[in-house]
C-alpha atoms as a PDB file:
ATOM      1  CA  MET A   1       0.000   0.000   0.000  1.00  0.00           C
ATOM      2  CA  ALA A   2       1.389   3.401  -0.985  1.00  0.00           C
ATOM      3  CA  LYS A   3       2.148   5.962   1.709  1.00  0.00           C
ATOM      4  CA  GLN A   4       0.794   9.493   1.985  1.00  0.00           C
ATOM      5  CA  LEU A   5       2.241  12.204   4.185  1.00  0.00           C
ATOM      6  CA  LEU A   6       0.268  15.354   4.921  1.00  0.00           C
ATOM      7  CA  LEU A   7       2.461  18.086   6.356  1.00  0.00           C
ATOM      8  CA  VAL A   8       0.490  20.747   8.235  1.00  0.00           C
ATOM      9  CA  ARG A   9       2.205  23.882   9.469  1.00  0.00           C
ATOM     10  CA  HIS A  10       0.761  25.146  12.747  1.00  0.00           C
ATOM     11  CA  GLY A  11      -1.740  27.990  12.669  1.00  0.00           C
ATOM     12  CA  LYS A  12      -0.758  31.625  13.178  1.00  0.00           C
ATOM     13  CA  SER A  13       0.771  32.218  16.583  1.00  0.00           C
ATOM     14  CA  ASP A  14       0.142  34.889  19.144  1.00  0.00           C
ATOM     15  CA  TRP A  15       3.077  37.210  19.823  1.00  0.00           C
ATOM     16  CA  THR A  16       1.390  39.482  22.405  1.00  0.00           C
ATOM     17  CA  ASN A  17       3.298  37.988  25.334  1.00  0.00           C
ATOM     18  CA  LEU A  18       6.953  38.386  24.401  1.00  0.00           C
ATOM     19  CA  ASP A  19       8.071  36.776  27.669  1.00  0.00           C
ATOM     20  CA  LEU A  20       6.766  33.400  26.551  1.00  0.00           C
ATOM     21  CA  LYS A  21       9.269  30.841  25.377  1.00  0.00           C
ATOM     22  CA  ASP A  22       8.887  30.080  21.669  1.00  0.00           C
ATOM     23  CA  PHE A  23       7.799  26.548  22.593  1.00  0.00           C
ATOM     24  CA  ASP A  24       4.872  27.865  24.672  1.00  0.00           C
ATOM     25  CA  ARG A  25       3.526  30.382  22.184  1.00  0.00           C
ATOM     26  CA  PRO A  26      -0.221  29.819  21.604  1.00  0.00           C
ATOM     27  CA  LEU A  27      -2.326  30.313  18.480  1.00  0.00           C
ATOM     28  CA  ASN A  28      -3.845  33.733  17.906  1.00  0.00           C
ATOM     29  CA  LYS A  29      -7.457  34.351  16.890  1.00  0.00           C
ATOM     30  CA  ARG A  30      -6.725  33.775  13.210  1.00  0.00           C
ATOM     31  CA  GLY A  31      -4.805  30.587  13.998  1.00  0.00           C
ATOM     32  CA  LYS A  32      -7.821  29.293  15.925  1.00  0.00           C
ATOM     33  CA  GLU A  33     -10.083  30.046  12.947  1.00  0.00           C
ATOM     34  CA  ASN A  34      -7.788  28.718  10.209  1.00  0.00           C
ATOM     35  CA  ALA A  35      -7.023  25.335  11.777  1.00  0.00           C
ATOM     36  CA  PRO A  36     -10.642  24.059  11.931  1.00  0.00           C
ATOM     37  CA  GLU A  37     -11.306  25.593   8.503  1.00  0.00           C
ATOM     38  CA  MET A  38      -8.406  23.625   6.985  1.00  0.00           C
ATOM     39  CA  ALA A  39      -9.515  20.432   8.750  1.00  0.00           C
ATOM     40  CA  GLU A  40     -12.971  20.999   7.258  1.00  0.00           C
ATOM     41  CA  ARG A  41     -11.475  21.296   3.761  1.00  0.00           C
ATOM     42  CA  LEU A  42      -9.747  17.947   4.240  1.00  0.00           C
ATOM     43  CA  ILE A  43     -12.981  16.313   5.342  1.00  0.00           C
ATOM     44  CA  ASN A  44     -14.733  17.806   2.299  1.00  0.00           C
ATOM     45  CA  LYS A  45     -12.049  16.260   0.063  1.00  0.00           C
ATOM     46  CA  GLY A  46     -12.886  12.896   1.652  1.00  0.00           C
ATOM     47  CA  PHE A  47      -9.374  12.716   3.100  1.00  0.00           C
ATOM     48  CA  LYS A  48      -8.797   9.981   5.684  1.00  0.00           C
ATOM     49  CA  PHE A  49      -5.691   9.122   7.663  1.00  0.00           C
ATOM     50  CA  ASP A  50      -4.355   6.502  10.050  1.00  0.00           C
ATOM     51  CA  LEU A  51      -2.098   8.485  12.356  1.00  0.00           C
ATOM     52  CA  MET A  52      -1.548  12.024  13.639  1.00  0.00           C
ATOM     53  CA  VAL A  53       1.931  13.034  14.746  1.00  0.00           C
ATOM     54  CA  SER A  54       2.713  16.483  16.109  1.00  0.00           C
ATOM     55  CA  SER A  55       5.431  18.651  17.498  1.00  0.00           C
ATOM     56  CA  PRO A  56       4.713  19.111  21.235  1.00  0.00           C
ATOM     57  CA  ALA A  57       5.065  22.921  20.937  1.00  0.00           C
ATOM     58  CA  LYS A  58       1.837  24.562  22.045  1.00  0.00           C
ATOM     59  CA  ARG A  59       0.862  26.106  18.673  1.00  0.00           C
ATOM     60  CA  ALA A  60       1.408  22.820  16.805  1.00  0.00           C
ATOM     61  CA  LYS A  61      -0.408  20.822  19.499  1.00  0.00           C
ATOM     62  CA  SER A  62      -3.397  23.200  19.365  1.00  0.00           C
ATOM     63  CA  THR A  63      -3.517  22.968  15.569  1.00  0.00           C
ATOM     64  CA  ALA A  64      -3.429  19.158  15.751  1.00  0.00           C
ATOM     65  CA  LYS A  65      -6.235  19.199  18.332  1.00  0.00           C
ATOM     66  CA  PHE A  66      -8.504  21.185  15.982  1.00  0.00           C
ATOM     67  CA  PHE A  67      -7.975  18.524  13.301  1.00  0.00           C
ATOM     68  CA  ALA A  68      -8.545  15.712  15.816  1.00  0.00           C
ATOM     69  CA  GLU A  69     -11.774  17.386  16.901  1.00  0.00           C
ATOM     70  CA  ALA A  70     -13.000  17.794  13.329  1.00  0.00           C
ATOM     71  CA  TYR A  71     -12.305  14.097  12.691  1.00  0.00           C
ATOM     72  CA  GLN A  72     -13.688  13.109  16.106  1.00  0.00           C
ATOM     73  CA  ILE A  73     -10.561  11.284  17.208  1.00  0.00           C
ATOM     74  CA  ASP A  74      -8.396  11.984  20.187  1.00  0.00           C
ATOM     75  CA  ASP A  75      -5.223  10.104  19.560  1.00  0.00           C
ATOM     76  CA  ILE A  76      -2.290  12.362  18.698  1.00  0.00           C
ATOM     77  CA  GLN A  77       1.268  11.114  18.959  1.00  0.00           C
ATOM     78  CA  TYR A  78       3.714  13.805  20.112  1.00  0.00           C
ATOM     79  CA  GLU A  79       7.230  13.678  18.773  1.00  0.00           C
ATOM     80  CA  GLU A  80       9.733  16.090  20.327  1.00  0.00           C
ATOM     81  CA  ALA A  81      12.165  15.750  17.435  1.00  0.00           C
ATOM     82  CA  ILE A  82       9.738  17.655  15.148  1.00  0.00           C
ATOM     83  CA  TYR A  83      10.152  20.911  17.096  1.00  0.00           C
ATOM     84  CA  GLU A  84      12.840  23.157  15.522  1.00  0.00           C
ATOM     85  CA  ALA A  85      13.842  20.241  13.277  1.00  0.00           C
ATOM     86  CA  ASN A  86      15.775  20.505  10.048  1.00  0.00           C
ATOM     87  CA  THR A  87      15.079  18.334   7.005  1.00  0.00           C
ATOM     88  CA  ASN A  88      17.310  15.445   8.113  1.00  0.00           C
ATOM     89  CA  THR A  89      15.718  15.236  11.546  1.00  0.00           C
ATOM     90  CA  LEU A  90      12.224  15.387  10.041  1.00  0.00           C
ATOM     91  CA  LEU A  91      13.110  12.704   7.512  1.00  0.00           C
ATOM     92  CA  ASN A  92      14.309  10.497  10.391  1.00  0.00           C
ATOM     93  CA  VAL A  93      10.957  10.989  12.124  1.00  0.00           C
ATOM     94  CA  VAL A  94       9.093  10.070   8.918  1.00  0.00           C
ATOM     95  CA  ASN A  95      11.355   7.069   8.240  1.00  0.00           C
ATOM     96  CA  GLY A  96      10.553   5.838  11.737  1.00  0.00           C
ATOM     97  CA  LEU A  97       6.758   5.966  11.343  1.00  0.00           C
ATOM     98  CA  ASN A  98       4.782   2.777  11.884  1.00  0.00           C
ATOM     99  CA  ASP A  99       4.286   0.981   8.555  1.00  0.00           C
ATOM    100  CA  GLU A 100       0.767  -0.041   9.574  1.00  0.00           C
ATOM    101  CA  ALA A 101      -0.198   3.604   9.070  1.00  0.00           C
ATOM    102  CA  ASP A 102      -0.505   4.334   5.348  1.00  0.00           C
ATOM    103  CA  THR A 103      -1.584   7.948   5.642  1.00  0.00           C
ATOM    104  CA  VAL A 104      -0.064  10.196   8.287  1.00  0.00           C
ATOM    105  CA  ILE A 105      -0.742  13.827   9.171  1.00  0.00           C
ATOM    106  CA  MET A 106       2.254  15.559  10.712  1.00  0.00           C
ATOM    107  CA  PHE A 107       1.987  18.948  12.444  1.00  0.00           C
ATOM    108  CA  GLY A 108       5.041  21.131  12.803  1.00  0.00           C
ATOM    109  CA  HIS A 109       6.993  24.222  11.902  1.00  0.00           C
ATOM    110  CA  ASN A 110       8.836  26.169   9.249  1.00  0.00           C
ATOM    111  CA  PRO A 111      11.404  26.369   7.808  1.00  0.00           C
ATOM    112  CA  GLY A 112      11.715  22.593   8.297  1.00  0.00           C
ATOM    113  CA  PHE A 113       8.327  21.678   6.821  1.00  0.00           C
ATOM    114  CA  THR A 114       8.711  23.750   3.640  1.00  0.00           C
ATOM    115  CA  ASP A 115      12.213  22.350   3.142  1.00  0.00           C
ATOM    116  CA  LEU A 116      11.015  18.792   3.750  1.00  0.00           C
ATOM    117  CA  ALA A 117       8.097  19.138   1.318  1.00  0.00           C
ATOM    118  CA  ASN A 118      10.414  20.410  -1.426  1.00  0.00           C
ATOM    119  CA  GLU A 119      13.095  17.850  -0.646  1.00  0.00           C
ATOM    120  CA  LEU A 120      10.729  14.862  -0.739  1.00  0.00           C
ATOM    121  CA  SER A 121       8.660  15.882  -3.746  1.00  0.00           C
ATOM    122  CA  GLY A 122      10.937  18.082  -5.806  1.00  0.00           C
ATOM    123  CA  ALA A 123       8.234  20.768  -5.532  1.00  0.00           C
ATOM    124  CA  ASP A 124       9.188  24.402  -5.542  1.00  0.00           C
ATOM    125  CA  ILE A 125       7.142  25.774  -2.659  1.00  0.00           C
ATOM    126  CA  ALA A 126       8.618  29.067  -1.445  1.00  0.00           C
ATOM    127  CA  ASN A 127       6.842  28.921   1.894  1.00  0.00           C
ATOM    128  CA  ILE A 128       4.081  26.903   3.531  1.00  0.00           C
ATOM    129  CA  PRO A 129       1.978  29.605   5.203  1.00  0.00           C
ATOM    130  CA  THR A 130       0.590  29.129   8.700  1.00  0.00           C
ATOM    131  CA  ALA A 131      -2.124  26.434   8.704  1.00  0.00           C
ATOM    132  CA  GLY A 132      -0.974  25.476   5.199  1.00  0.00           C
ATOM    133  CA  MET A 133      -0.918  21.800   4.194  1.00  0.00           C
ATOM    134  CA  VAL A 134       1.040  19.798   1.670  1.00  0.00           C
ATOM    135  CA  LEU A 135       0.109  16.253   0.690  1.00  0.00           C
ATOM    136  CA  ILE A 136       2.849  14.058  -0.757  1.00  0.00           C
ATOM    137  CA  SER A 137       2.372  10.481  -1.917  1.00  0.00           C
ATOM    138  CA  PHE A 138       5.015   7.767  -2.160  1.00  0.00           C
ATOM    139  CA  PRO A 139       4.976   4.483  -4.095  1.00  0.00           C
ATOM    140  CA  PHE A 140       6.328   2.466  -1.145  1.00  0.00           C
ATOM    141  CA  ASP A 141       4.826   0.258   1.516  1.00  0.00           C
ATOM    142  CA  SER A 142       7.452   1.206   4.102  1.00  0.00           C
ATOM    143  CA  TRP A 143       8.171   4.674   5.505  1.00  0.00           C
ATOM    144  CA  LYS A 144      11.841   3.672   5.733  1.00  0.00           C
ATOM    145  CA  MET A 145      12.110   3.898   1.932  1.00  0.00           C
ATOM    146  CA  LEU A 146      11.213   7.586   1.721  1.00  0.00           C
ATOM    147  CA  SER A 147      14.090   9.800   0.729  1.00  0.00           C
ATOM    148  CA  ARG A 148      14.879  12.878  -1.316  1.00  0.00           C
ATOM    149  CA  GLY A 149      12.801  13.155  -4.490  1.00  0.00           C
ATOM    150  CA  THR A 150      10.810   9.937  -3.973  1.00  0.00           C
ATOM    151  CA  GLY A 151       7.411  11.594  -3.496  1.00  0.00           C
ATOM    152  CA  ASP A 152       4.828  13.323  -5.670  1.00  0.00           C
ATOM    153  CA  LEU A 153       3.109  16.510  -4.638  1.00  0.00           C
ATOM    154  CA  VAL A 154      -0.651  15.799  -4.552  1.00  0.00           C
ATOM    155  CA  PHE A 155      -1.853  19.183  -3.314  1.00  0.00           C
ATOM    156  CA  PHE A 156      -0.712  22.320  -1.538  1.00  0.00           C
ATOM    157  CA  ASP A 157      -3.448  24.276   0.209  1.00  0.00           C
ATOM    158  CA  TYR A 158      -3.519  27.134   2.711  1.00  0.00           C
ATOM    159  CA  PRO A 159      -6.114  29.449   4.245  1.00  0.00           C
ATOM    160  CA  LYS A 160      -5.791  32.277   1.689  1.00  0.00           C
ATOM    161  CA  ASN A 161      -5.854  29.905  -1.283  1.00  0.00           C
ATOM    162  CA  SER A 162      -8.888  31.282  -3.153  1.00  0.00           C
ATOM    163  CA  ASP A 163      -9.495  28.247  -5.413  1.00  0.00           C
ATOM    164  CA  GLU A 164     -11.034  26.537  -2.412  1.00  0.00           C
ATOM    165  CA  VAL A 165     -13.728  29.133  -1.756  1.00  0.00           C
END
């Protein structure tokens, strides 16, 4: 069974409290609106998945929870390595995913996610905006086989993408 990886960048974060550590920064009002809206778009596309993996940083966790709520599931796996990760670290996380899961949604951060999307699919995405999502498919039955240029970009969507209106 082929694998599909949906990368979701966390929603827009709230910078009002500058004393907060980056890790603890919450979503702002727009972030809280965009995340459920993007989850809704996925549901409308008939998109289904087997596993949710997220950075434990507050803004990524909150984004993941909006998706979990929309899909009425409550099982999110938190992976510390996703936070502030570069492409190699992220690829290690993906290569280590459970092969029983064919479609995985991963919530995390830029610049790592944009770099990973381009690296895996050969796409030329300048930037995944907040709450943006990129779906990449792979012709393998094991996550361990994913590497640079082995995926195909299926779609790239984000809150201000007007085609979806």
